[in-house]
Amino acid sequence: MLQQAFNGLVGGSFYALLALGLAVIFGMLGVVNLAHGAFYMLGAFGAFIALDAFGLNFWVALVLVPLLLGVAGAVLERLFVRRLTPLDPLYNFLFTFGLALILQDLVRREYGVNSQPYPRPPELAGTVDLGLFTYPAYQVFVLAVSALMCVAVWVVLTRTRVGMIVRAATERPELTRALGIDVGRWVTPVFGFGIALAAFAGVLAAPMRAVNPLMGADLIITVFAVVVIGGLGSVFGSVAAGFAVGLVSALGNLYVPALSQITVFILMAAVLLWRPAGLFGREEAYR
């Protein structure tokens, strides 16, 4: 049971990183970014291409790929998302959905539908003795790095002036504007940062999961459920729900495998019946 719970926390680390980026983007822009899973997939393929075409190892890709895709996300926001934001939210919803399909098909056209191999870094190829059981070193690294990243983002958002402005603009954009802060200037870097988090999760996933064009599409539905459970626009709620959903899914696979595919959505329904705005969501977001 403990080993399965640890599996759940490792899986939940990907949910937490992706949900964190989605929550920040939705909180500031009010945009449901359906292309988030596609950028997660591009992060994994970016690591594969960096190794296959340029000989860049995992550690270089872990820094370089999220940075490049974050810049691409910022450019995307400036050119397209910003123009559609004043309109009905359905426009950005359809735009990001179409963008996800385009990115998936472009990658599929180049690399096909078969999974691409990506080796684990040699430094993390062994196992770690956790006392009651041994566990692959790379999975322990993924959990530790994801937790550290989430803590680092929380520290920046809560302990720095820039972070407080971004958090205020994310959670209370109207009130922030009323206090004289230009929310618009923070939109582009925050959108790029959310995309970079998705790419970072993709690079981490490359040695663990099948690198293929549909890997993001399979994951993003669960991530949206995570964001709803945590509460729309709630940064802390998204991270907490990400790890909780991973844990519940893993234990569900162990004890009720017949419901393994719908455990997350049963949990989401139960939470919404109790708190329609999510565990840490705002009633304004729900309305």
C-alpha atoms as a PDB file:
ATOM      1  CA  MET A   1       0.000   0.000   0.000  1.00  0.00           C
ATOM      2  CA  LEU A   2       2.817   2.409   0.878  1.00  0.00           C
ATOM      3  CA  GLN A   3       4.555   1.735  -2.414  1.00  0.00           C
ATOM      4  CA  GLN A   4       1.328   2.318  -4.326  1.00  0.00           C
ATOM      5  CA  ALA A   5       0.784   5.537  -2.389  1.00  0.00           C
ATOM      6  CA  PHE A   6       4.256   6.656  -3.372  1.00  0.00           C
ATOM      7  CA  ASN A   7       3.392   5.841  -6.993  1.00  0.00           C
ATOM      8  CA  GLY A   8       0.381   8.096  -6.589  1.00  0.00           C
ATOM      9  CA  LEU A   9       2.461  10.978  -5.283  1.00  0.00           C
ATOM     10  CA  VAL A  10       4.858  10.642  -8.225  1.00  0.00           C
ATOM     11  CA  GLY A  11       1.942  10.681 -10.666  1.00  0.00           C
ATOM     12  CA  GLY A  12       0.370  13.540  -8.736  1.00  0.00           C
ATOM     13  CA  SER A  13       3.531  15.608  -9.183  1.00  0.00           C
ATOM     14  CA  PHE A  14       2.753  15.892 -12.912  1.00  0.00           C
ATOM     15  CA  TYR A  15      -0.838  16.835 -12.144  1.00  0.00           C
ATOM     16  CA  ALA A  16       0.360  19.466  -9.671  1.00  0.00           C
ATOM     17  CA  LEU A  17       2.785  21.127 -12.115  1.00  0.00           C
ATOM     18  CA  LEU A  18       0.255  21.186 -14.944  1.00  0.00           C
ATOM     19  CA  ALA A  19      -2.609  22.332 -12.729  1.00  0.00           C
ATOM     20  CA  LEU A  20      -0.422  25.083 -11.256  1.00  0.00           C
ATOM     21  CA  GLY A  21       0.189  26.527 -14.723  1.00  0.00           C
ATOM     22  CA  LEU A  22      -3.472  26.206 -15.670  1.00  0.00           C
ATOM     23  CA  ALA A  23      -4.632  27.878 -12.460  1.00  0.00           C
ATOM     24  CA  VAL A  24      -2.339  30.878 -12.898  1.00  0.00           C
ATOM     25  CA  ILE A  25      -3.384  31.359 -16.529  1.00  0.00           C
ATOM     26  CA  PHE A  26      -7.084  31.001 -15.766  1.00  0.00           C
ATOM     27  CA  GLY A  27      -6.907  33.230 -12.715  1.00  0.00           C
ATOM     28  CA  MET A  28      -5.282  36.132 -14.544  1.00  0.00           C
ATOM     29  CA  LEU A  29      -6.770  35.823 -18.037  1.00  0.00           C
ATOM     30  CA  GLY A  30      -9.926  33.832 -17.450  1.00  0.00           C
ATOM     31  CA  VAL A  31      -8.732  31.575 -20.289  1.00  0.00           C
ATOM     32  CA  VAL A  32      -9.295  27.829 -20.184  1.00  0.00           C
ATOM     33  CA  ASN A  33      -6.108  26.837 -21.982  1.00  0.00           C
ATOM     34  CA  LEU A  34      -6.918  23.602 -23.794  1.00  0.00           C
ATOM     35  CA  ALA A  35      -3.465  23.698 -25.431  1.00  0.00           C
ATOM     36  CA  HIS A  36      -1.778  23.102 -22.070  1.00  0.00           C
ATOM     37  CA  GLY A  37      -1.517  19.374 -22.682  1.00  0.00           C
ATOM     38  CA  ALA A  38      -0.005  20.008 -26.105  1.00  0.00           C
ATOM     39  CA  PHE A  39       2.787  22.086 -24.539  1.00  0.00           C
ATOM     40  CA  TYR A  40       3.365  19.283 -22.039  1.00  0.00           C
ATOM     41  CA  MET A  41       3.786  16.985 -25.035  1.00  0.00           C
ATOM     42  CA  LEU A  42       6.100  19.494 -26.731  1.00  0.00           C
ATOM     43  CA  GLY A  43       8.223  19.574 -23.581  1.00  0.00           C
ATOM     44  CA  ALA A  44       8.752  15.815 -23.812  1.00  0.00           C
ATOM     45  CA  PHE A  45       9.425  15.974 -27.551  1.00  0.00           C
ATOM     46  CA  GLY A  46      11.720  18.946 -27.012  1.00  0.00           C
ATOM     47  CA  ALA A  47      13.868  16.816 -24.709  1.00  0.00           C
ATOM     48  CA  PHE A  48      13.844  13.995 -27.281  1.00  0.00           C
ATOM     49  CA  ILE A  49      14.816  16.318 -30.156  1.00  0.00           C
ATOM     50  CA  ALA A  50      17.504  18.019 -28.067  1.00  0.00           C
ATOM     51  CA  LEU A  51      19.122  14.622 -27.450  1.00  0.00           C
ATOM     52  CA  ASP A  52      18.517  13.075 -30.875  1.00  0.00           C
ATOM     53  CA  ALA A  53      19.420  16.049 -33.071  1.00  0.00           C
ATOM     54  CA  PHE A  54      21.816  18.101 -30.939  1.00  0.00           C
ATOM     55  CA  GLY A  55      23.215  15.653 -28.405  1.00  0.00           C
ATOM     56  CA  LEU A  56      21.995  17.726 -25.436  1.00  0.00           C
ATOM     57  CA  ASN A  57      21.478  15.623 -22.331  1.00  0.00           C
ATOM     58  CA  PHE A  58      18.534  15.570 -19.960  1.00  0.00           C
ATOM     59  CA  TRP A  59      19.920  18.217 -17.588  1.00  0.00           C
ATOM     60  CA  VAL A  60      20.376  20.767 -20.365  1.00  0.00           C
ATOM     61  CA  ALA A  61      16.920  19.991 -21.782  1.00  0.00           C
ATOM     62  CA  LEU A  62      15.338  20.410 -18.328  1.00  0.00           C
ATOM     63  CA  VAL A  63      16.435  24.062 -18.355  1.00  0.00           C
ATOM     64  CA  LEU A  64      16.450  24.936 -22.043  1.00  0.00           C
ATOM     65  CA  VAL A  65      13.181  23.394 -23.284  1.00  0.00           C
ATOM     66  CA  PRO A  66      10.855  25.042 -20.685  1.00  0.00           C
ATOM     67  CA  LEU A  67      12.606  28.365 -21.297  1.00  0.00           C
ATOM     68  CA  LEU A  68      12.114  28.198 -25.068  1.00  0.00           C
ATOM     69  CA  LEU A  69       8.505  27.048 -24.841  1.00  0.00           C
ATOM     70  CA  GLY A  70       7.788  29.689 -22.190  1.00  0.00           C
ATOM     71  CA  VAL A  71       8.993  32.353 -24.627  1.00  0.00           C
ATOM     72  CA  ALA A  72       6.855  30.766 -27.345  1.00  0.00           C
ATOM     73  CA  GLY A  73       3.866  30.904 -24.986  1.00  0.00           C
ATOM     74  CA  ALA A  74       4.496  34.590 -24.260  1.00  0.00           C
ATOM     75  CA  VAL A  75       4.610  35.321 -28.011  1.00  0.00           C
ATOM     76  CA  LEU A  76       1.407  33.317 -28.475  1.00  0.00           C
ATOM     77  CA  GLU A  77      -0.320  35.385 -25.829  1.00  0.00           C
ATOM     78  CA  ARG A  78       0.787  38.679 -27.379  1.00  0.00           C
ATOM     79  CA  LEU A  79      -0.216  37.736 -30.915  1.00  0.00           C
ATOM     80  CA  PHE A  80      -3.450  35.816 -30.415  1.00  0.00           C
ATOM     81  CA  VAL A  81      -4.759  35.254 -26.889  1.00  0.00           C
ATOM     82  CA  ARG A  82      -4.667  38.945 -25.944  1.00  0.00           C
ATOM     83  CA  ARG A  83      -6.709  39.894 -29.015  1.00  0.00           C
ATOM     84  CA  LEU A  84      -9.410  37.376 -28.124  1.00  0.00           C
ATOM     85  CA  THR A  85      -9.544  37.983 -24.360  1.00  0.00           C
ATOM     86  CA  PRO A  86     -11.964  40.982 -24.519  1.00  0.00           C
ATOM     87  CA  LEU A  87     -14.402  38.856 -26.532  1.00  0.00           C
ATOM     88  CA  ASP A  88     -16.572  35.983 -25.395  1.00  0.00           C
ATOM     89  CA  PRO A  89     -14.461  33.352 -23.538  1.00  0.00           C
ATOM     90  CA  LEU A  90     -15.640  30.815 -26.097  1.00  0.00           C
ATOM     91  CA  TYR A  91     -13.251  32.348 -28.667  1.00  0.00           C
ATOM     92  CA  ASN A  92     -10.113  31.580 -26.653  1.00  0.00           C
ATOM     93  CA  PHE A  93     -11.579  28.223 -25.704  1.00  0.00           C
ATOM     94  CA  LEU A  94     -11.915  27.291 -29.374  1.00  0.00           C
ATOM     95  CA  PHE A  95      -8.565  28.861 -30.298  1.00  0.00           C
ATOM     96  CA  THR A  96      -6.594  26.880 -27.715  1.00  0.00           C
ATOM     97  CA  PHE A  97      -8.491  23.711 -28.618  1.00  0.00           C
ATOM     98  CA  GLY A  98      -7.641  24.194 -32.302  1.00  0.00           C
ATOM     99  CA  LEU A  99      -4.040  25.009 -31.432  1.00  0.00           C
ATOM    100  CA  ALA A 100      -3.736  21.758 -29.478  1.00  0.00           C
ATOM    101  CA  LEU A 101      -4.991  19.772 -32.465  1.00  0.00           C
ATOM    102  CA  ILE A 102      -2.592  21.577 -34.823  1.00  0.00           C
ATOM    103  CA  LEU A 103       0.433  20.962 -32.584  1.00  0.00           C
ATOM    104  CA  GLN A 104      -0.464  17.304 -32.105  1.00  0.00           C
ATOM    105  CA  ASP A 105      -0.886  16.730 -35.846  1.00  0.00           C
ATOM    106  CA  LEU A 106       2.342  18.544 -36.715  1.00  0.00           C
ATOM    107  CA  VAL A 107       4.278  16.309 -34.334  1.00  0.00           C
ATOM    108  CA  ARG A 108       2.392  13.238 -35.545  1.00  0.00           C
ATOM    109  CA  ARG A 109       3.219  14.078 -39.154  1.00  0.00           C
ATOM    110  CA  GLU A 110       6.925  14.288 -38.349  1.00  0.00           C
ATOM    111  CA  TYR A 111       7.322  11.415 -35.881  1.00  0.00           C
ATOM    112  CA  GLY A 112       4.251   9.251 -36.387  1.00  0.00           C
ATOM    113  CA  VAL A 113       2.098   7.809 -33.639  1.00  0.00           C
ATOM    114  CA  ASN A 114       4.676   5.407 -32.227  1.00  0.00           C
ATOM    115  CA  SER A 115       6.316   6.283 -28.934  1.00  0.00           C
ATOM    116  CA  GLN A 116       9.856   7.629 -29.043  1.00  0.00           C
ATOM    117  CA  PRO A 117      12.430   6.251 -26.578  1.00  0.00           C
ATOM    118  CA  TYR A 118      14.126   8.598 -24.160  1.00  0.00           C
ATOM    119  CA  PRO A 119      16.740   7.234 -21.727  1.00  0.00           C
ATOM    120  CA  ARG A 120      16.912   8.075 -18.075  1.00  0.00           C
ATOM    121  CA  PRO A 121      19.953  10.112 -17.055  1.00  0.00           C
ATOM    122  CA  PRO A 122      22.744   7.754 -15.952  1.00  0.00           C
ATOM    123  CA  GLU A 123      23.015   9.516 -12.583  1.00  0.00           C
ATOM    124  CA  LEU A 124      19.425   8.444 -11.768  1.00  0.00           C
ATOM    125  CA  ALA A 125      19.410   4.948 -13.254  1.00  0.00           C
ATOM    126  CA  GLY A 126      19.491   2.990  -9.987  1.00  0.00           C
ATOM    127  CA  THR A 127      17.141   2.575  -7.042  1.00  0.00           C
ATOM    128  CA  VAL A 128      16.820   4.243  -3.656  1.00  0.00           C
ATOM    129  CA  ASP A 129      16.235   2.414  -0.398  1.00  0.00           C
ATOM    130  CA  LEU A 130      13.303   4.133   1.320  1.00  0.00           C
ATOM    131  CA  GLY A 131      13.339   1.834   4.325  1.00  0.00           C
ATOM    132  CA  LEU A 132      10.229  -0.276   3.782  1.00  0.00           C
ATOM    133  CA  PHE A 133      10.849  -0.686   0.046  1.00  0.00           C
ATOM    134  CA  THR A 134      13.219   0.302  -2.716  1.00  0.00           C
ATOM    135  CA  TYR A 135      12.104   2.692  -5.414  1.00  0.00           C
ATOM    136  CA  PRO A 136      13.537   3.841  -8.774  1.00  0.00           C
ATOM    137  CA  ALA A 137      15.836   6.805  -8.231  1.00  0.00           C
ATOM    138  CA  TYR A 138      14.393   8.756 -11.150  1.00  0.00           C
ATOM    139  CA  GLN A 139      10.846   8.652  -9.740  1.00  0.00           C
ATOM    140  CA  VAL A 140      12.152   9.883  -6.381  1.00  0.00           C
ATOM    141  CA  PHE A 141      13.909  12.700  -8.232  1.00  0.00           C
ATOM    142  CA  VAL A 142      10.695  13.622 -10.086  1.00  0.00           C
ATOM    143  CA  LEU A 143       8.714  13.815  -6.860  1.00  0.00           C
ATOM    144  CA  ALA A 144      11.385  15.857  -5.092  1.00  0.00           C
ATOM    145  CA  VAL A 145      11.888  18.298  -7.965  1.00  0.00           C
ATOM    146  CA  SER A 146       8.145  18.777  -8.498  1.00  0.00           C
ATOM    147  CA  ALA A 147       7.589  19.434  -4.797  1.00  0.00           C
ATOM    148  CA  LEU A 148      10.515  21.874  -4.707  1.00  0.00           C
ATOM    149  CA  MET A 149       9.196  23.667  -7.796  1.00  0.00           C
ATOM    150  CA  CYS A 150       5.736  24.025  -6.273  1.00  0.00           C
ATOM    151  CA  VAL A 151       7.235  25.282  -2.990  1.00  0.00           C
ATOM    152  CA  ALA A 152       9.483  27.722  -4.887  1.00  0.00           C
ATOM    153  CA  VAL A 153       6.509  29.114  -6.799  1.00  0.00           C
ATOM    154  CA  TRP A 154       4.559  29.425  -3.540  1.00  0.00           C
ATOM    155  CA  VAL A 155       7.449  31.297  -1.885  1.00  0.00           C
ATOM    156  CA  VAL A 156       7.749  33.674  -4.842  1.00  0.00           C
ATOM    157  CA  LEU A 157       4.001  34.299  -4.885  1.00  0.00           C
ATOM    158  CA  THR A 158       3.688  34.874  -1.146  1.00  0.00           C
ATOM    159  CA  ARG A 159       7.018  36.339  -0.028  1.00  0.00           C
ATOM    160  CA  THR A 160       8.010  38.764  -2.782  1.00  0.00           C
ATOM    161  CA  ARG A 161       6.467  41.996  -3.969  1.00  0.00           C
ATOM    162  CA  VAL A 162       6.305  40.785  -7.563  1.00  0.00           C
ATOM    163  CA  GLY A 163       4.697  37.563  -6.405  1.00  0.00           C
ATOM    164  CA  MET A 164       2.087  39.396  -4.368  1.00  0.00           C
ATOM    165  CA  ILE A 165       1.168  41.543  -7.364  1.00  0.00           C
ATOM    166  CA  VAL A 166       0.883  38.477  -9.589  1.00  0.00           C
ATOM    167  CA  ARG A 167      -1.143  36.596  -6.962  1.00  0.00           C
ATOM    168  CA  ALA A 168      -3.457  39.548  -6.479  1.00  0.00           C
ATOM    169  CA  ALA A 169      -3.877  39.919 -10.234  1.00  0.00           C
ATOM    170  CA  THR A 170      -4.526  36.177 -10.497  1.00  0.00           C
ATOM    171  CA  GLU A 171      -7.015  35.832  -7.648  1.00  0.00           C
ATOM    172  CA  ARG A 172      -8.618  39.325  -7.596  1.00  0.00           C
ATOM    173  CA  PRO A 173      -7.950  40.998 -10.971  1.00  0.00           C
ATOM    174  CA  GLU A 174     -10.786  43.539 -10.725  1.00  0.00           C
ATOM    175  CA  LEU A 175      -9.782  44.690  -7.238  1.00  0.00           C
ATOM    176  CA  THR A 176      -6.123  44.829  -8.289  1.00  0.00           C
ATOM    177  CA  ARG A 177      -6.983  47.135 -11.195  1.00  0.00           C
ATOM    178  CA  ALA A 178      -9.040  49.274  -8.849  1.00  0.00           C
ATOM    179  CA  LEU A 179      -5.931  49.783  -6.679  1.00  0.00           C
ATOM    180  CA  GLY A 180      -4.064  51.246  -9.634  1.00  0.00           C
ATOM    181  CA  ILE A 181      -1.935  48.246 -10.626  1.00  0.00           C
ATOM    182  CA  ASP A 182      -1.570  47.598 -14.341  1.00  0.00           C
ATOM    183  CA  VAL A 183      -2.643  43.963 -14.558  1.00  0.00           C
ATOM    184  CA  GLY A 184      -2.083  43.880 -18.316  1.00  0.00           C
ATOM    185  CA  ARG A 185       1.707  44.136 -18.059  1.00  0.00           C
ATOM    186  CA  TRP A 186       1.820  40.918 -16.010  1.00  0.00           C
ATOM    187  CA  VAL A 187      -0.390  38.893 -18.322  1.00  0.00           C
ATOM    188  CA  THR A 188       2.256  37.973 -20.919  1.00  0.00           C
ATOM    189  CA  PRO A 189       4.992  36.772 -18.502  1.00  0.00           C
ATOM    190  CA  VAL A 190       2.449  34.871 -16.401  1.00  0.00           C
ATOM    191  CA  PHE A 191       1.048  33.121 -19.479  1.00  0.00           C
ATOM    192  CA  GLY A 192       4.577  32.246 -20.595  1.00  0.00           C
ATOM    193  CA  PHE A 193       5.371  30.977 -17.091  1.00  0.00           C
ATOM    194  CA  GLY A 194       2.313  28.715 -17.119  1.00  0.00           C
ATOM    195  CA  ILE A 195       3.386  27.261 -20.464  1.00  0.00           C
ATOM    196  CA  ALA A 196       6.945  26.796 -19.160  1.00  0.00           C
ATOM    197  CA  LEU A 197       5.600  24.772 -16.210  1.00  0.00           C
ATOM    198  CA  ALA A 198       3.770  22.476 -18.639  1.00  0.00           C
ATOM    199  CA  ALA A 199       6.967  22.057 -20.683  1.00  0.00           C
ATOM    200  CA  PHE A 200       8.959  21.395 -17.489  1.00  0.00           C
ATOM    201  CA  ALA A 201       6.529  18.612 -16.568  1.00  0.00           C
ATOM    202  CA  GLY A 202       6.877  17.223 -20.091  1.00  0.00           C
ATOM    203  CA  VAL A 203      10.672  17.041 -19.872  1.00  0.00           C
ATOM    204  CA  LEU A 204      10.387  15.280 -16.506  1.00  0.00           C
ATOM    205  CA  ALA A 205       7.895  12.823 -18.021  1.00  0.00           C
ATOM    206  CA  ALA A 206      10.048  11.947 -21.057  1.00  0.00           C
ATOM    207  CA  PRO A 207      12.183   9.250 -19.345  1.00  0.00           C
ATOM    208  CA  MET A 208       9.148   7.819 -17.524  1.00  0.00           C
ATOM    209  CA  ARG A 209       6.287   7.863 -19.991  1.00  0.00           C
ATOM    210  CA  ALA A 210       5.746   7.162 -23.660  1.00  0.00           C
ATOM    211  CA  VAL A 211       6.837  10.192 -25.698  1.00  0.00           C
ATOM    212  CA  ASN A 212       4.136  10.403 -28.346  1.00  0.00           C
ATOM    213  CA  PRO A 213       1.895  13.113 -29.850  1.00  0.00           C
ATOM    214  CA  LEU A 214      -1.157  12.117 -27.798  1.00  0.00           C
ATOM    215  CA  MET A 215       0.471  11.996 -24.357  1.00  0.00           C
ATOM    216  CA  GLY A 216      -0.863  15.454 -23.489  1.00  0.00           C
ATOM    217  CA  ALA A 217      -4.377  14.784 -24.751  1.00  0.00           C
ATOM    218  CA  ASP A 218      -4.619  11.727 -22.507  1.00  0.00           C
ATOM    219  CA  LEU A 219      -3.530  13.697 -19.440  1.00  0.00           C
ATOM    220  CA  ILE A 220      -5.158  17.102 -19.821  1.00  0.00           C
ATOM    221  CA  ILE A 221      -8.708  15.884 -19.074  1.00  0.00           C
ATOM    222  CA  THR A 222      -7.582  14.641 -15.670  1.00  0.00           C
ATOM    223  CA  VAL A 223      -5.667  17.873 -15.073  1.00  0.00           C
ATOM    224  CA  PHE A 224      -8.799  19.930 -15.719  1.00  0.00           C
ATOM    225  CA  ALA A 225     -10.599  17.778 -13.154  1.00  0.00           C
ATOM    226  CA  VAL A 226      -7.745  18.517 -10.733  1.00  0.00           C
ATOM    227  CA  VAL A 227      -8.128  22.270 -11.272  1.00  0.00           C
ATOM    228  CA  VAL A 228     -11.891  22.046 -10.690  1.00  0.00           C
ATOM    229  CA  ILE A 229     -11.382  20.030  -7.499  1.00  0.00           C
ATOM    230  CA  GLY A 230      -8.794  22.477  -6.177  1.00  0.00           C
ATOM    231  CA  GLY A 231     -10.873  25.501  -7.160  1.00  0.00           C
ATOM    232  CA  LEU A 232     -10.745  27.611 -10.294  1.00  0.00           C
ATOM    233  CA  GLY A 233      -8.058  30.255  -9.985  1.00  0.00           C
ATOM    234  CA  SER A 234      -6.659  28.894  -6.713  1.00  0.00           C
ATOM    235  CA  VAL A 235      -2.913  28.292  -6.991  1.00  0.00           C
ATOM    236  CA  PHE A 236      -2.595  26.443  -3.686  1.00  0.00           C
ATOM    237  CA  GLY A 237      -5.753  24.446  -4.342  1.00  0.00           C
ATOM    238  CA  SER A 238      -4.498  23.238  -7.716  1.00  0.00           C
ATOM    239  CA  VAL A 239      -1.206  21.958  -6.279  1.00  0.00           C
ATOM    240  CA  ALA A 240      -2.862  20.286  -3.283  1.00  0.00           C
ATOM    241  CA  ALA A 241      -5.516  18.694  -5.476  1.00  0.00           C
ATOM    242  CA  GLY A 242      -2.860  17.476  -7.929  1.00  0.00           C
ATOM    243  CA  PHE A 243      -1.035  15.428  -5.307  1.00  0.00           C
ATOM    244  CA  ALA A 244      -4.323  14.316  -3.708  1.00  0.00           C
ATOM    245  CA  VAL A 245      -5.757  13.113  -7.021  1.00  0.00           C
ATOM    246  CA  GLY A 246      -2.577  11.189  -7.793  1.00  0.00           C
ATOM    247  CA  LEU A 247      -2.783   9.514  -4.393  1.00  0.00           C
ATOM    248  CA  VAL A 248      -6.478   8.684  -4.706  1.00  0.00           C
ATOM    249  CA  SER A 249      -6.015   7.335  -8.245  1.00  0.00           C
ATOM    250  CA  ALA A 250      -3.147   5.056  -7.220  1.00  0.00           C
ATOM    251  CA  LEU A 251      -4.983   3.661  -4.191  1.00  0.00           C
ATOM    252  CA  GLY A 252      -8.123   3.303  -6.300  1.00  0.00           C
ATOM    253  CA  ASN A 253      -6.175   1.220  -8.809  1.00  0.00           C
ATOM    254  CA  LEU A 254      -5.063  -1.008  -5.936  1.00  0.00           C
ATOM    255  CA  TYR A 255      -8.366  -1.513  -4.133  1.00  0.00           C
ATOM    256  CA  VAL A 256     -11.105  -0.873  -6.738  1.00  0.00           C
ATOM    257  CA  PRO A 257      -9.464  -1.466 -10.140  1.00  0.00           C
ATOM    258  CA  ALA A 258     -12.862  -1.682 -11.842  1.00  0.00           C
ATOM    259  CA  LEU A 259     -13.331   2.044 -11.134  1.00  0.00           C
ATOM    260  CA  SER A 260      -9.742   3.062 -11.892  1.00  0.00           C
ATOM    261  CA  GLN A 261     -10.677   5.097 -14.964  1.00  0.00           C
ATOM    262  CA  ILE A 262     -13.365   7.163 -13.252  1.00  0.00           C
ATOM    263  CA  THR A 263     -12.062   7.545  -9.690  1.00  0.00           C
ATOM    264  CA  VAL A 264     -10.930  11.115 -10.338  1.00  0.00           C
ATOM    265  CA  PHE A 265     -14.304  12.125 -11.721  1.00  0.00           C
ATOM    266  CA  ILE A 266     -16.186  10.503  -8.852  1.00  0.00           C
ATOM    267  CA  LEU A 267     -14.000  12.567  -6.516  1.00  0.00           C
ATOM    268  CA  MET A 268     -14.686  15.700  -8.579  1.00  0.00           C
ATOM    269  CA  ALA A 269     -18.450  15.121  -8.428  1.00  0.00           C
ATOM    270  CA  ALA A 270     -18.336  14.604  -4.666  1.00  0.00           C
ATOM    271  CA  VAL A 271     -16.314  17.785  -4.130  1.00  0.00           C
ATOM    272  CA  LEU A 272     -18.577  19.876  -6.360  1.00  0.00           C
ATOM    273  CA  LEU A 273     -21.693  18.627  -4.566  1.00  0.00           C
ATOM    274  CA  TRP A 274     -20.136  19.774  -1.298  1.00  0.00           C
ATOM    275  CA  ARG A 275     -18.390  22.940  -2.553  1.00  0.00           C
ATOM    276  CA  PRO A 276     -19.428  24.035  -6.064  1.00  0.00           C
ATOM    277  CA  ALA A 277     -16.442  26.413  -6.260  1.00  0.00           C
ATOM    278  CA  GLY A 278     -13.942  23.634  -5.444  1.00  0.00           C
ATOM    279  CA  LEU A 279     -11.998  23.010  -2.249  1.00  0.00           C
ATOM    280  CA  PHE A 280     -10.137  26.339  -2.274  1.00  0.00           C
ATOM    281  CA  GLY A 281     -12.046  28.171  -5.011  1.00  0.00           C
ATOM    282  CA  ARG A 282     -13.809  31.499  -4.851  1.00  0.00           C
ATOM    283  CA  GLU A 283     -17.549  31.807  -5.157  1.00  0.00           C
ATOM    284  CA  GLU A 284     -16.988  34.537  -7.774  1.00  0.00           C
ATOM    285  CA  ALA A 285     -15.145  32.037  -9.994  1.00  0.00           C
ATOM    286  CA  TYR A 286     -17.974  29.553  -9.570  1.00  0.00           C
ATOM    287  CA  ARG A 287     -20.600  32.134 -10.549  1.00  0.00           C
END
